[in-house]
Protein backbone atom coordinates (compact mmCIF):
# COMPACT_ATOMS: atom_id res chain seq x y z
CA MET A 1 -13.27 -18.25 -14.42
CA THR A 2 -15.18 -17.57 -11.23
CA PHE A 3 -13.70 -17.15 -7.80
CA SER A 4 -14.99 -20.56 -6.63
CA VAL A 5 -12.81 -22.31 -9.22
CA LEU A 6 -9.74 -20.78 -7.63
CA LEU A 7 -10.39 -22.47 -4.31
CA ALA A 8 -8.73 -25.59 -5.69
CA ALA A 9 -5.72 -23.79 -7.19
CA PRO A 10 -2.59 -25.67 -5.97
CA ALA A 11 -0.49 -22.48 -5.87
CA VAL A 12 -2.60 -21.08 -3.04
CA ARG A 13 -2.30 -22.43 0.49
CA GLY A 14 -4.41 -21.55 3.50
CA LEU A 15 -7.15 -19.73 1.61
CA VAL A 16 -9.78 -18.71 4.14
CA GLU A 17 -12.75 -16.40 4.21
CA ASP A 18 -12.11 -13.29 6.25
CA THR A 19 -14.51 -12.95 9.16
CA VAL A 20 -14.38 -9.14 9.42
CA SER A 21 -15.34 -8.13 5.91
CA LYS A 22 -16.33 -9.55 2.53
CA ALA A 23 -12.68 -10.01 1.58
CA GLN A 24 -11.19 -13.40 0.75
CA ARG A 25 -7.70 -13.90 2.16
CA PHE A 26 -4.86 -15.52 0.21
CA GLU A 27 -2.02 -16.75 2.43
CA GLU A 28 1.21 -18.04 0.91
CA ALA A 29 4.67 -18.56 2.35
CA GLY A 30 7.18 -15.85 1.45
CA ARG A 31 4.53 -13.31 0.56
CA VAL A 32 2.33 -10.89 2.46
CA PRO A 33 -1.37 -11.81 2.33
CA VAL A 34 -3.68 -10.74 -0.50
CA LEU A 35 -7.17 -9.66 0.53
CA ALA A 36 -9.53 -9.91 -2.45
CA TRP A 37 -13.10 -8.60 -2.65
CA MET A 38 -14.04 -11.19 -5.27
CA ASP A 39 -17.10 -13.01 -3.99
CA GLY A 40 -19.37 -13.74 -6.96
CA VAL A 41 -17.13 -11.91 -9.46
CA GLU A 42 -15.17 -13.38 -12.36
CA PHE A 43 -11.52 -13.71 -11.39
CA ASP A 44 -8.82 -15.33 -13.54
CA LEU A 45 -5.49 -16.94 -12.75
CA GLY A 46 -3.53 -14.20 -14.52
CA THR A 47 -4.91 -11.70 -12.02
CA LEU A 48 -4.00 -13.97 -9.15
CA GLN A 49 -0.43 -14.37 -10.41
CA GLN A 50 0.09 -10.62 -10.69
CA LEU A 51 -1.24 -10.12 -7.16
CA ARG A 52 1.10 -12.84 -5.87
CA ASP A 53 4.03 -11.19 -7.63
CA ALA A 54 3.30 -7.84 -6.01
CA ALA A 55 2.84 -9.50 -2.61
CA SER A 56 6.31 -11.05 -2.88
CA LEU A 57 8.17 -7.72 -2.97
CA PRO A 58 10.12 -6.96 0.25
CA ILE A 59 8.88 -3.36 0.23
CA VAL A 60 5.17 -4.34 0.18
CA GLY A 61 3.00 -4.76 3.27
CA PRO A 62 1.13 -5.33 5.47
CA HIS A 63 -1.00 -6.87 2.70
CA VAL A 64 -2.19 -6.24 -0.87
CA ALA A 65 -5.86 -5.44 -1.50
CA ALA A 66 -7.62 -6.55 -4.69
CA MET A 67 -10.86 -4.84 -5.67
CA PRO A 68 -13.73 -6.74 -7.36
CA ASP A 69 -12.93 -5.20 -10.76
CA ALA A 70 -9.38 -6.59 -10.68
CA HIS A 71 -7.91 -7.87 -13.94
CA PRO A 72 -4.41 -8.21 -15.39
CA GLY A 73 -2.60 -5.01 -16.30
CA LYS A 74 0.80 -3.99 -17.53
CA GLY A 75 3.20 -4.23 -14.62
CA SER A 76 0.62 -4.89 -11.94
CA THR A 77 -3.03 -5.70 -11.45
CA ILE A 78 -5.62 -3.13 -12.44
CA GLY A 79 -8.00 -2.90 -9.51
CA SER A 80 -5.39 -3.32 -6.79
CA VAL A 81 -4.13 -1.31 -3.83
CA ILE A 82 -0.41 -1.80 -3.18
CA PRO A 83 1.06 -0.38 0.06
CA THR A 84 4.84 0.10 0.05
CA LYS A 85 7.33 1.09 2.73
CA GLY A 86 10.17 3.44 1.85
CA ALA A 87 9.73 3.02 -1.90
CA ILE A 88 7.29 3.33 -4.82
CA VAL A 89 6.80 0.99 -7.80
CA PRO A 90 6.32 3.34 -10.80
CA SER A 91 4.71 0.69 -13.00
CA ALA A 92 2.07 0.09 -10.32
CA VAL A 93 1.07 3.74 -10.66
CA GLY A 94 1.21 3.30 -14.43
CA VAL A 95 1.55 5.72 -17.31
CA ASP A 96 -1.82 7.46 -17.13
CA ILE A 97 -0.89 9.09 -13.85
CA GLY A 98 -3.88 10.68 -12.14
CA CYS A 99 -6.44 9.07 -14.45
CA GLY A 100 -9.85 9.31 -12.88
CA MET A 101 -13.41 10.54 -13.02
CA VAL A 102 -15.43 13.69 -12.54
CA ALA A 103 -19.21 13.91 -12.20
CA VAL A 104 -21.68 16.66 -11.43
CA GLU A 105 -25.43 16.85 -10.99
CA THR A 106 -27.13 19.57 -13.04
CA GLN A 107 -30.43 21.37 -12.61
CA LEU A 108 -31.88 19.51 -15.61
CA VAL A 109 -34.34 16.63 -15.46
CA ALA A 110 -35.06 14.05 -18.12
CA SER A 111 -38.06 15.97 -19.45
CA GLY A 112 -35.72 18.85 -20.28
CA LEU A 113 -33.78 16.74 -22.78
CA PRO A 114 -34.87 16.43 -26.42
CA ASP A 115 -36.39 13.18 -27.65
CA THR A 116 -33.42 12.72 -29.99
CA LEU A 117 -30.01 13.19 -28.38
CA ALA A 118 -27.83 13.07 -31.48
CA GLY A 119 -27.50 16.85 -31.37
CA VAL A 120 -26.30 16.79 -27.77
CA ARG A 121 -23.72 14.13 -28.58
CA SER A 122 -22.53 16.08 -31.63
CA ALA A 123 -22.19 19.29 -29.61
CA ILE A 124 -20.05 17.53 -26.99
CA GLU A 125 -17.87 15.89 -29.63
CA LYS A 126 -17.24 19.27 -31.24
CA ALA A 127 -16.51 20.97 -27.92
CA VAL A 128 -13.98 18.47 -26.56
CA PRO A 129 -11.14 17.04 -28.68
CA HIS A 130 -11.16 13.27 -28.30
CA GLY A 131 -9.34 10.20 -29.60
CA ASN A 132 -5.66 9.42 -29.98
CA GLY A 133 -3.32 11.26 -32.32
CA PRO A 134 -3.23 14.91 -33.41
CA GLY A 135 -7.00 15.05 -33.87
CA GLY A 136 -7.43 14.58 -30.15
CA ASN A 137 -5.51 17.78 -29.30
CA TRP A 138 -6.26 21.48 -29.43
CA ARG A 139 -4.69 22.77 -32.62
CA ASP A 140 -3.35 26.16 -33.72
CA GLY A 141 -3.62 27.56 -30.23
CA ARG A 142 -7.41 27.26 -30.17
CA TRP A 143 -7.63 26.00 -26.61
CA PRO A 144 -10.22 27.59 -24.28
CA ARG A 145 -9.24 30.38 -21.90
CA GLU A 146 -10.06 28.06 -19.04
CA ALA A 147 -7.23 25.75 -20.19
CA GLU A 148 -4.80 28.68 -20.16
CA SER A 149 -5.84 29.70 -16.63
CA HIS A 150 -5.50 26.13 -15.34
CA TYR A 151 -2.12 25.69 -17.01
CA ALA A 152 -0.66 28.95 -15.66
CA PRO A 153 0.28 27.48 -12.25
CA LEU A 154 1.35 24.17 -13.81
CA ALA A 155 3.86 25.56 -16.31
CA PRO A 156 6.51 26.89 -13.89
CA ASP A 157 6.37 23.71 -11.81
CA LEU A 158 6.97 21.56 -14.89
CA ALA A 159 9.85 23.80 -15.90
CA ALA A 160 11.35 23.42 -12.41
CA LEU A 161 11.00 19.63 -12.60
CA ARG A 162 12.81 19.57 -15.92
CA ASP A 163 15.54 21.96 -14.77
CA ALA A 164 16.26 19.78 -11.73
CA ASP A 165 16.41 16.48 -13.65
CA ASP A 166 18.28 16.34 -16.95
CA GLU A 167 17.01 12.83 -17.72
CA LEU A 168 13.42 13.91 -17.20
CA GLN A 169 14.05 16.97 -19.37
CA ARG A 170 15.18 14.77 -22.26
CA ALA A 171 12.31 12.34 -21.77
CA THR A 172 9.60 15.01 -21.85
CA GLU A 173 10.87 17.46 -24.47
CA GLY A 174 9.27 17.41 -27.90
CA GLY A 175 5.89 15.93 -28.75
CA ASN A 176 2.63 17.58 -27.78
CA GLU A 177 3.04 20.30 -25.24
CA PRO A 178 0.80 19.79 -22.18
CA LEU A 179 -1.21 22.94 -22.90
CA SER A 180 -2.32 21.54 -26.27
CA GLN A 181 -3.92 18.58 -24.46
CA LEU A 182 -5.30 20.22 -21.33
CA GLY A 183 -9.06 19.83 -21.67
CA THR A 184 -8.92 16.88 -24.09
CA LEU A 185 -10.26 13.37 -23.59
CA GLY A 186 -7.80 10.95 -25.15
CA GLY A 187 -8.73 7.47 -26.36
CA GLY A 188 -9.18 3.91 -25.11
CA ASN A 189 -11.67 3.63 -22.27
CA HIS A 190 -11.94 7.38 -21.70
CA PHE A 191 -15.44 8.78 -22.17
CA ILE A 192 -17.90 11.63 -21.62
CA GLU A 193 -21.47 10.77 -20.65
CA VAL A 194 -24.82 12.37 -20.00
CA CYS A 195 -26.65 10.26 -17.41
CA LEU A 196 -29.96 10.10 -15.57
CA ASP A 197 -30.16 9.08 -11.93
CA GLU A 198 -32.95 7.20 -10.14
CA ARG A 199 -34.92 10.50 -9.87
CA ASP A 200 -34.40 11.30 -13.57
CA HIS A 201 -32.01 14.13 -12.67
CA VAL A 202 -29.35 14.80 -15.32
CA TRP A 203 -25.68 14.20 -14.46
CA LEU A 204 -22.55 14.82 -16.51
CA MET A 205 -19.67 12.40 -16.06
CA LEU A 206 -16.30 11.92 -17.73
CA HIS A 207 -13.17 9.79 -17.46
CA SER A 208 -9.65 10.90 -18.41
CA GLY A 209 -6.16 11.47 -17.03
CA SER A 210 -2.81 13.14 -17.63
CA ARG A 211 -2.67 12.50 -21.39
CA GLY A 212 0.67 12.48 -23.24
CA ILE A 213 2.76 14.20 -20.60
CA GLY A 214 1.72 11.66 -17.96
CA ASN A 215 2.54 8.83 -20.33
CA ARG A 216 6.03 10.16 -21.01
CA ILE A 217 6.74 10.80 -17.33
CA GLY A 218 5.43 7.39 -16.24
CA THR A 219 7.32 5.52 -18.97
CA HIS A 220 10.53 7.37 -18.11
CA PHE A 221 10.48 6.50 -14.40
CA ILE A 222 9.48 2.88 -15.01
CA ALA A 223 12.66 2.55 -17.09
CA ARG A 224 14.73 4.25 -14.37
CA ALA A 225 13.37 1.88 -11.72
CA ARG A 226 14.30 -1.11 -13.87
CA ARG A 227 17.77 0.27 -14.36
CA ARG A 228 18.25 0.85 -10.64
CA ALA A 229 17.12 -2.72 -9.86
CA GLU A 230 19.69 -4.06 -12.31
CA LEU A 231 22.47 -1.93 -10.84
CA ASP A 232 21.51 -3.00 -7.30
CA GLY A 233 21.33 -6.67 -8.31
CA ILE A 234 17.70 -7.04 -7.19
CA THR A 235 15.88 -10.17 -8.38
CA LEU A 236 12.28 -9.45 -9.33
CA PRO A 237 9.33 -11.73 -10.20
CA GLN A 238 8.98 -9.51 -13.26
CA ARG A 239 11.02 -6.47 -14.24
CA ASP A 240 8.05 -4.08 -14.24
CA LEU A 241 7.86 -4.43 -10.45
CA ALA A 242 11.12 -2.55 -9.96
CA TRP A 243 10.94 0.21 -7.37
CA LEU A 244 12.55 3.53 -6.56
CA PRO A 245 13.75 3.72 -2.93
CA GLU A 246 13.29 6.76 -0.72
CA GLY A 247 16.38 8.91 -0.26
CA THR A 248 17.50 8.61 -3.88
CA PRO A 249 17.42 11.45 -6.43
CA GLU A 250 15.21 9.36 -8.70
CA PHE A 251 12.64 8.88 -5.95
CA GLU A 252 12.45 12.57 -5.09
CA SER A 253 12.14 13.50 -8.77
CA TYR A 254 9.44 10.88 -9.30
CA VAL A 255 7.32 11.99 -6.34
CA ARG A 256 7.40 15.60 -7.54
CA ALA A 257 6.56 14.54 -11.10
CA VAL A 258 3.71 12.28 -10.00
CA ARG A 259 2.15 15.06 -7.92
CA TRP A 260 2.41 17.38 -10.90
CA CYS A 261 0.71 14.83 -13.17
CA GLN A 262 -2.06 14.23 -10.66
CA ASP A 263 -2.73 17.97 -10.48
CA TYR A 264 -2.68 18.16 -14.30
CA ALA A 265 -5.16 15.26 -14.59
CA HIS A 266 -7.54 16.84 -12.07
CA ARG A 267 -7.45 20.14 -13.95
CA ASN A 268 -7.83 18.36 -17.28
CA ARG A 269 -11.15 16.92 -16.12
CA ASP A 270 -12.28 20.28 -14.74
CA VAL A 271 -11.60 22.02 -18.06
CA MET A 272 -13.48 19.35 -20.02
CA LEU A 273 -16.45 19.48 -17.65
CA GLY A 274 -16.74 23.22 -18.29
CA GLN A 275 -16.59 22.63 -22.05
CA VAL A 276 -19.29 19.95 -21.84
CA MET A 277 -21.62 22.19 -19.83
CA ARG A 278 -21.21 25.02 -22.32
CA ALA A 279 -21.77 22.64 -25.25
CA MET A 280 -24.97 21.32 -23.70
CA SER A 281 -26.17 24.83 -22.93
CA HIS A 282 -25.74 25.71 -26.60
CA ALA A 283 -27.38 22.50 -27.84
CA LEU A 284 -30.39 22.89 -25.52
CA SER A 285 -30.67 26.70 -25.86
CA ARG A 286 -30.71 27.06 -22.09
CA ASP A 287 -28.12 27.36 -19.35
CA VAL A 288 -26.89 24.08 -17.91
CA VAL A 289 -25.54 24.63 -14.39
CA ALA A 290 -24.29 22.46 -11.55
CA ILE A 291 -26.41 22.30 -8.42
CA ASP A 292 -23.55 21.02 -6.25
CA ALA A 293 -19.77 20.77 -6.31
CA ALA A 294 -18.31 18.33 -8.81
CA ILE A 295 -16.93 15.01 -7.55
CA ASN A 296 -13.40 14.68 -8.96
CA CYS A 297 -11.40 11.60 -8.00
CA HIS A 298 -8.25 9.85 -9.21
CA HIS A 299 -8.06 6.10 -9.62
CA ASN A 300 -4.45 5.70 -10.88
CA TYR A 301 -2.21 7.42 -8.35
CA VAL A 302 0.01 7.24 -5.29
CA GLU A 303 -0.20 9.13 -1.99
CA GLN A 304 1.50 8.87 1.39
CA GLU A 305 -1.09 7.85 3.99
CA THR A 306 -1.19 6.38 7.48
CA HIS A 307 -2.72 2.91 7.80
CA PHE A 308 -2.42 0.36 10.61
CA GLY A 309 -0.31 2.83 12.57
CA GLU A 310 2.44 3.38 10.00
CA GLN A 311 3.14 5.71 7.10
CA LEU A 312 2.84 3.95 3.77
CA TRP A 313 2.93 4.88 0.13
CA ILE A 314 -0.50 3.77 -1.12
CA THR A 315 -0.67 3.07 -4.83
CA ARG A 316 -4.21 2.75 -6.13
CA LYS A 317 -3.96 1.13 -9.54
CA GLY A 318 -7.53 1.26 -10.80
CA ALA A 319 -8.96 1.93 -7.33
CA VAL A 320 -10.71 4.89 -5.73
CA ALA A 321 -10.19 6.29 -2.24
CA ALA A 322 -13.17 5.39 -0.04
CA PHE A 323 -12.45 7.21 3.22
CA PRO A 324 -15.43 7.59 5.58
CA GLY A 325 -17.96 9.92 4.01
CA ARG A 326 -15.86 10.69 0.93
CA LEU A 327 -17.80 10.72 -2.36
CA GLY A 328 -16.55 8.69 -5.29
CA ILE A 329 -17.54 7.51 -8.75
CA ILE A 330 -17.72 3.90 -9.95
CA PRO A 331 -18.62 3.76 -13.65
CA GLY A 332 -19.99 0.75 -15.46
CA SER A 333 -19.37 0.44 -19.19
CA MET A 334 -21.14 1.72 -22.31
CA GLY A 335 -24.77 0.93 -21.64
CA ALA A 336 -24.28 -0.33 -18.07
CA LYS A 337 -25.10 1.43 -14.81
CA SER A 338 -22.70 3.69 -12.92
CA PHE A 339 -22.73 4.73 -9.27
CA ILE A 340 -22.09 7.75 -7.10
CA VAL A 341 -20.90 6.29 -3.81
CA GLU A 342 -19.93 7.25 -0.28
CA GLY A 343 -16.86 5.64 1.26
CA LEU A 344 -17.26 3.47 4.36
CA GLY A 345 -13.59 3.67 5.39
CA ASN A 346 -12.88 -0.07 5.53
CA PRO A 347 -9.29 -0.27 6.85
CA GLU A 348 -8.62 -3.68 5.27
CA SER A 349 -8.98 -2.19 1.76
CA PHE A 350 -6.79 0.76 2.79
CA MET A 351 -10.05 2.71 2.55
CA SER A 352 -10.42 1.99 -1.17
CA CYS A 353 -13.00 0.61 -3.60
CA SER A 354 -13.19 -0.43 -7.25
CA HIS A 355 -12.79 2.10 -10.07
CA GLY A 356 -15.31 0.46 -12.38
CA ALA A 357 -16.65 -2.89 -13.54
CA GLY A 358 -13.29 -4.28 -14.71
CA ARG A 359 -12.53 -6.06 -17.96
CA ARG A 360 -13.56 -9.69 -18.42
CA LEU A 361 -12.32 -9.85 -22.03
CA SER A 362 -9.11 -8.40 -23.45
CA ARG A 363 -9.55 -5.80 -26.16
CA THR A 364 -8.50 -8.28 -28.83
CA ARG A 365 -10.78 -11.02 -27.50
CA ALA A 366 -13.74 -8.65 -27.28
CA LYS A 367 -13.38 -7.62 -30.92
CA GLU A 368 -13.11 -11.26 -31.95
CA THR A 369 -16.16 -12.49 -30.06
CA ILE A 370 -18.68 -9.64 -29.75
CA SER A 371 -20.73 -8.72 -32.81
CA LEU A 372 -21.98 -5.30 -33.85
CA ASP A 373 -25.55 -6.53 -33.39
CA GLU A 374 -24.75 -7.53 -29.80
CA HIS A 375 -23.16 -4.15 -29.15
CA ALA A 376 -26.13 -2.31 -30.67
CA ALA A 377 -28.55 -4.29 -28.50
CA ALA A 378 -26.54 -3.65 -25.33
CA THR A 379 -26.41 0.10 -26.03
CA ARG A 380 -29.84 0.57 -27.61
CA HIS A 381 -30.84 3.09 -24.93
CA VAL A 382 -27.65 5.18 -25.40
CA GLU A 383 -26.82 7.75 -28.07
CA CYS A 384 -23.31 6.54 -28.87
CA ARG A 385 -21.06 4.98 -31.51
CA LYS A 386 -22.27 1.67 -32.91
CA ASP A 387 -19.21 0.69 -34.93
CA GLN A 388 -16.36 -1.84 -34.88
CA GLY A 389 -14.02 0.64 -33.23
CA VAL A 390 -15.81 0.44 -29.85
CA LEU A 391 -16.50 -3.31 -29.61
CA ASP A 392 -13.73 -3.57 -27.00
CA GLU A 393 -15.66 -1.09 -24.85
CA THR A 394 -19.12 -2.64 -25.13
CA PRO A 395 -20.78 -3.93 -21.92
CA GLY A 396 -20.05 -7.56 -22.82
CA ALA A 397 -16.31 -6.89 -22.55
CA TYR A 398 -16.70 -5.99 -18.85
CA LYS A 399 -17.73 -7.75 -15.66
CA SER A 400 -21.24 -7.28 -14.25
CA ILE A 401 -21.27 -3.95 -12.44
CA ASP A 402 -24.05 -5.30 -10.18
CA ALA A 403 -21.83 -8.21 -9.10
CA VAL A 404 -18.90 -5.84 -8.53
CA MET A 405 -21.02 -3.57 -6.34
CA ALA A 406 -22.38 -6.50 -4.35
CA ALA A 407 -18.85 -7.76 -3.70
CA GLN A 408 -17.80 -4.45 -2.13
CA ALA A 409 -20.84 -3.68 -0.02
CA ASP A 410 -18.52 -3.24 2.97
CA LEU A 411 -16.37 -0.66 1.14
CA VAL A 412 -18.91 1.85 -0.20
CA LYS A 413 -22.56 2.84 0.05
CA PRO A 414 -24.28 3.70 -3.27
CA LEU A 415 -25.98 7.10 -3.19
CA HIS A 416 -27.13 7.41 -6.80
CA THR A 417 -27.49 4.96 -9.67
CA LEU A 418 -26.80 6.51 -13.07
CA ARG A 419 -27.86 5.25 -16.50
CA GLN A 420 -26.25 6.67 -19.61
CA VAL A 421 -28.28 8.35 -22.33
CA VAL A 422 -25.31 9.86 -24.24
CA CYS A 423 -21.78 8.46 -24.44
CA VAL A 424 -18.84 10.02 -26.29
CA LYS A 425 -15.84 7.67 -26.62
CA GLY A 426 -12.25 8.66 -27.25
């Protein structure tokens, strides 16, 4: 369903086009406004309902921002920016706390790559554990030294978190220890790619987050927020929108845990990037080095920021910070373009932009409707998996990245356009 169809939706009153930016403004009694960068982008009623639900919370304001990749998610809309006052909604942050992207330009150019890239893909797959389950972890202590050095400052902080919160201790004990997953990709939509930009320069790019430990921490605090809402007698549009209020032990524990997870996720991407560069160096029999600092950005996280003259907790659920001059990464999908961007600092979006193209088909629907032949055609220029297991990640399952970028021209400026030549999926 396109945005224009929604203009006639009876649930929305006073829908007007904003005159300052490309955002469309949803006004409805009893809710703060929703500003949506959706012009020319597919946008369904399920997304709208989730945005309306978030906008109805008494802790939310001055408005909710919806990015052009917005689509329904668990708890709240993926591709949304939710500002809260004196509280945080754990389910809006989600369970892959700190999930995000890292990208770096190398000294290589396209002519330095072999004609057949199967060997490069194989080398990356061997260097970085990927996928869900035990096979996606480091096993028998065979993690790289870089993982140990990155985990050294994390370990005592996690121990302190657990010591200070018995419930968190019980929720996070057992299972895979964080060290066994530091420097691993995970599954789902996580990926590692070798890309070429518009000058045929080679970039490395990957997408991952806080792995199992982030999932356990996020799940734990979502349950605690629900419990607190029940004890306080708070009526919610849906129970996943329960919040933790400032000044409570649960809130303080959550903020500390979230910051730890965000640090872990950032380091996880750094470790993997090092592994990928070493793997490529081995596969190409030459050193692969970065020519500039890596761009490493979260897109599932919460931070305290000042906007419109007040301190707010800004939850970016599938959104990237786009402060003036800040570099960010907006990936497409397998076979589609990706972008290195510079933030324009649009205050109406809380200085944010999309985190990707955004799903147009659910995973189940994509596997039901997209054929292997269609996937192979869409990814014919990419050395990647061509099997049933990735049909939910094929380009046809996602919105048009060109339409998404056009809809947020007032949020970011594209600096480089990347096209994948190798893609490793989790």
